[in-house]
């Protein structure tokens, strides 16, 4: 691998770790407030939509890195 490819992979891994952290914070928020995600989807759609986008981004980065889902 060239240093450019390694650097790109490192950036992807860093982004992946940030996304996982954001998702964990969202899950903790829901748990701390005793919210089920179906309730959030129905009553706090913006938050639910952001969580859904984070999950999609995580799946995309996993695909780029060749990680299993």
N, C-alpha and C. Protein backbone atom coordinates (compact mmCIF):
# COMPACT_ATOMS: atom_id res chain seq x y z
N UNK A 1 0.83 -1.18 0.00
CA UNK A 1 0.00 0.00 0.00
C UNK A 1 0.88 1.24 0.00
N UNK A 2 0.40 2.23 -0.72
CA UNK A 2 1.13 3.49 -0.71
C UNK A 2 0.75 4.28 0.52
N UNK A 3 1.57 5.26 0.83
CA UNK A 3 1.29 6.07 2.03
C UNK A 3 -0.02 6.83 1.87
N UNK A 4 -0.38 7.19 0.65
CA UNK A 4 -1.65 7.88 0.40
C UNK A 4 -2.84 6.99 0.72
N UNK A 5 -2.76 5.72 0.33
CA UNK A 5 -3.84 4.78 0.60
C UNK A 5 -3.95 4.54 2.11
N UNK A 6 -2.81 4.39 2.77
CA UNK A 6 -2.81 4.18 4.21
C UNK A 6 -3.39 5.40 4.92
N UNK A 7 -3.02 6.59 4.45
CA UNK A 7 -3.55 7.83 5.04
C UNK A 7 -5.06 7.92 4.84
N UNK A 8 -5.53 7.57 3.64
CA UNK A 8 -6.97 7.59 3.38
C UNK A 8 -7.70 6.58 4.27
N UNK A 9 -7.12 5.41 4.43
CA UNK A 9 -7.72 4.39 5.29
C UNK A 9 -7.75 4.87 6.74
N UNK A 10 -6.69 5.50 7.19
CA UNK A 10 -6.65 6.03 8.55
C UNK A 10 -7.73 7.09 8.75
N UNK A 11 -7.95 7.93 7.74
CA UNK A 11 -8.99 8.96 7.83
C UNK A 11 -10.37 8.30 7.91
N UNK A 12 -10.58 7.26 7.12
CA UNK A 12 -11.85 6.54 7.16
C UNK A 12 -12.08 5.89 8.53
N UNK A 13 -11.04 5.30 9.07
CA UNK A 13 -11.15 4.67 10.39
C UNK A 13 -11.46 5.72 11.44
N UNK A 14 -10.82 6.87 11.36
CA UNK A 14 -11.09 7.96 12.30
C UNK A 14 -12.54 8.42 12.18
N UNK A 15 -13.02 8.58 10.96
CA UNK A 15 -14.42 8.99 10.74
C UNK A 15 -15.38 7.92 11.27
N UNK A 16 -15.05 6.67 11.05
CA UNK A 16 -15.86 5.55 11.53
C UNK A 16 -15.95 5.60 13.06
N UNK A 17 -14.84 5.82 13.73
CA UNK A 17 -14.84 5.90 15.19
C UNK A 17 -15.70 7.06 15.69
N UNK A 18 -15.65 8.19 14.99
CA UNK A 18 -16.49 9.34 15.37
C UNK A 18 -17.97 9.01 15.20
N UNK A 19 -18.31 8.34 14.11
CA UNK A 19 -19.70 7.96 13.87
C UNK A 19 -20.20 7.00 14.94
N UNK A 20 -19.37 6.02 15.29
CA UNK A 20 -19.74 5.06 16.34
C UNK A 20 -19.97 5.81 17.65
N UNK A 21 -19.12 6.76 17.97
CA UNK A 21 -19.27 7.55 19.19
C UNK A 21 -20.59 8.33 19.17
N UNK A 22 -20.91 8.95 18.04
CA UNK A 22 -22.17 9.70 17.92
C UNK A 22 -23.37 8.77 18.09
N UNK A 23 -23.30 7.58 17.51
CA UNK A 23 -24.39 6.63 17.64
C UNK A 23 -24.54 6.17 19.09
N UNK A 24 -23.43 5.90 19.75
CA UNK A 24 -23.48 5.49 21.16
C UNK A 24 -24.10 6.59 22.02
N UNK A 25 -23.77 7.85 21.74
CA UNK A 25 -24.36 8.97 22.48
C UNK A 25 -25.86 9.06 22.24
N UNK A 26 -26.28 8.83 21.00
CA UNK A 26 -27.72 8.84 20.70
C UNK A 26 -28.43 7.72 21.44
N UNK A 27 -27.83 6.55 21.46
CA UNK A 27 -28.42 5.42 22.16
C UNK A 27 -28.50 5.69 23.66
N UNK A 28 -27.46 6.31 24.21
CA UNK A 28 -27.45 6.64 25.64
C UNK A 28 -28.53 7.67 25.94
N UNK A 29 -28.66 8.67 25.08
CA UNK A 29 -29.69 9.69 25.27
C UNK A 29 -31.07 9.05 25.34
N UNK A 30 -31.35 8.14 24.40
CA UNK A 30 -32.66 7.48 24.37
C UNK A 30 -32.85 6.64 25.64
N UNK A 31 -31.83 5.92 26.03
CA UNK A 31 -31.90 5.09 27.22
C UNK A 31 -32.10 5.93 28.49
N UNK A 32 -31.32 7.01 28.61
CA UNK A 32 -31.42 7.88 29.78
C UNK A 32 -32.80 8.51 29.92
N UNK A 33 -33.47 8.73 28.78
CA UNK A 33 -34.79 9.36 28.78
C UNK A 33 -35.92 8.34 28.65
N UNK A 34 -35.56 7.06 28.74
CA UNK A 34 -36.55 5.98 28.62
C UNK A 34 -37.37 6.07 27.34
N UNK A 35 -36.70 6.44 26.25
CA UNK A 35 -37.36 6.53 24.95
C UNK A 35 -37.06 5.28 24.12
N UNK A 36 -38.10 4.74 23.51
CA UNK A 36 -37.91 3.72 22.48
C UNK A 36 -37.76 4.47 21.17
N UNK A 37 -36.97 3.92 20.25
CA UNK A 37 -36.73 4.63 19.00
C UNK A 37 -38.02 4.81 18.18
N UNK A 38 -39.00 3.94 18.35
CA UNK A 38 -40.27 4.13 17.64
C UNK A 38 -40.99 5.37 18.17
N UNK A 39 -40.90 5.63 19.49
CA UNK A 39 -41.46 6.85 20.06
C UNK A 39 -40.73 8.06 19.50
N UNK A 40 -39.42 8.00 19.46
CA UNK A 40 -38.62 9.11 18.95
C UNK A 40 -38.99 9.37 17.49
N UNK A 41 -39.16 8.31 16.72
CA UNK A 41 -39.52 8.47 15.31
C UNK A 41 -40.86 9.19 15.18
N UNK A 42 -41.80 8.87 16.03
CA UNK A 42 -43.13 9.45 15.96
C UNK A 42 -43.19 10.88 16.51
N UNK A 43 -42.39 11.18 17.55
CA UNK A 43 -42.53 12.46 18.24
C UNK A 43 -41.33 13.39 18.15
N UNK A 44 -40.19 12.87 17.81
CA UNK A 44 -38.97 13.68 17.70
C UNK A 44 -38.24 13.25 16.43
N UNK A 45 -38.94 13.42 15.30
CA UNK A 45 -38.47 12.86 14.04
C UNK A 45 -37.07 13.35 13.66
N UNK A 46 -36.75 14.60 13.91
CA UNK A 46 -35.44 15.12 13.53
C UNK A 46 -34.32 14.31 14.19
N UNK A 47 -34.48 13.99 15.47
CA UNK A 47 -33.48 13.20 16.19
C UNK A 47 -33.41 11.78 15.61
N UNK A 48 -34.58 11.18 15.36
CA UNK A 48 -34.61 9.84 14.79
C UNK A 48 -33.93 9.84 13.42
N UNK A 49 -34.22 10.86 12.60
CA UNK A 49 -33.65 10.93 11.26
C UNK A 49 -32.13 11.08 11.31
N UNK A 50 -31.63 11.88 12.26
CA UNK A 50 -30.18 12.04 12.40
C UNK A 50 -29.54 10.70 12.76
N UNK A 51 -30.17 9.97 13.69
CA UNK A 51 -29.65 8.64 14.07
C UNK A 51 -29.64 7.70 12.87
N UNK A 52 -30.71 7.73 12.10
CA UNK A 52 -30.80 6.89 10.91
C UNK A 52 -29.68 7.22 9.92
N UNK A 53 -29.40 8.51 9.75
CA UNK A 53 -28.31 8.92 8.85
C UNK A 53 -26.95 8.47 9.37
N UNK A 54 -26.74 8.53 10.68
CA UNK A 54 -25.48 8.06 11.26
C UNK A 54 -25.30 6.57 10.96
N UNK A 55 -26.36 5.80 11.13
CA UNK A 55 -26.28 4.35 10.85
C UNK A 55 -25.94 4.11 9.39
N UNK A 56 -26.55 4.86 8.49
CA UNK A 56 -26.25 4.70 7.05
C UNK A 56 -24.81 5.07 6.75
N UNK A 57 -24.30 6.13 7.38
CA UNK A 57 -22.91 6.52 7.18
C UNK A 57 -21.96 5.44 7.70
N UNK A 58 -22.27 4.86 8.85
CA UNK A 58 -21.45 3.79 9.41
C UNK A 58 -21.41 2.61 8.44
N UNK A 59 -22.57 2.24 7.90
CA UNK A 59 -22.62 1.12 6.96
C UNK A 59 -21.78 1.42 5.71
N UNK A 60 -21.83 2.66 5.23
CA UNK A 60 -21.06 3.05 4.05
C UNK A 60 -19.56 2.97 4.32
N UNK A 61 -19.13 3.50 5.47
CA UNK A 61 -17.70 3.46 5.81
C UNK A 61 -17.24 2.02 6.00
N UNK A 62 -18.08 1.19 6.63
CA UNK A 62 -17.73 -0.23 6.78
C UNK A 62 -17.51 -0.87 5.42
N UNK A 63 -18.39 -0.54 4.49
CA UNK A 63 -18.27 -1.10 3.14
C UNK A 63 -16.96 -0.65 2.49
N UNK A 64 -16.64 0.63 2.62
CA UNK A 64 -15.39 1.14 2.06
C UNK A 64 -14.16 0.48 2.66
N UNK A 65 -14.25 0.20 3.97
CA UNK A 65 -13.11 -0.42 4.66
C UNK A 65 -13.10 -1.94 4.52
N UNK A 66 -14.16 -2.50 3.95
CA UNK A 66 -14.23 -3.94 3.79
C UNK A 66 -14.52 -4.67 5.08
N UNK A 67 -15.21 -3.98 6.01
CA UNK A 67 -15.57 -4.59 7.30
C UNK A 67 -16.94 -5.29 7.19
N UNK A 68 -17.14 -6.33 7.96
CA UNK A 68 -18.45 -6.98 7.95
C UNK A 68 -19.49 -6.11 8.64
N UNK A 69 -20.73 -6.26 8.24
CA UNK A 69 -21.82 -5.49 8.89
C UNK A 69 -22.30 -6.14 10.13
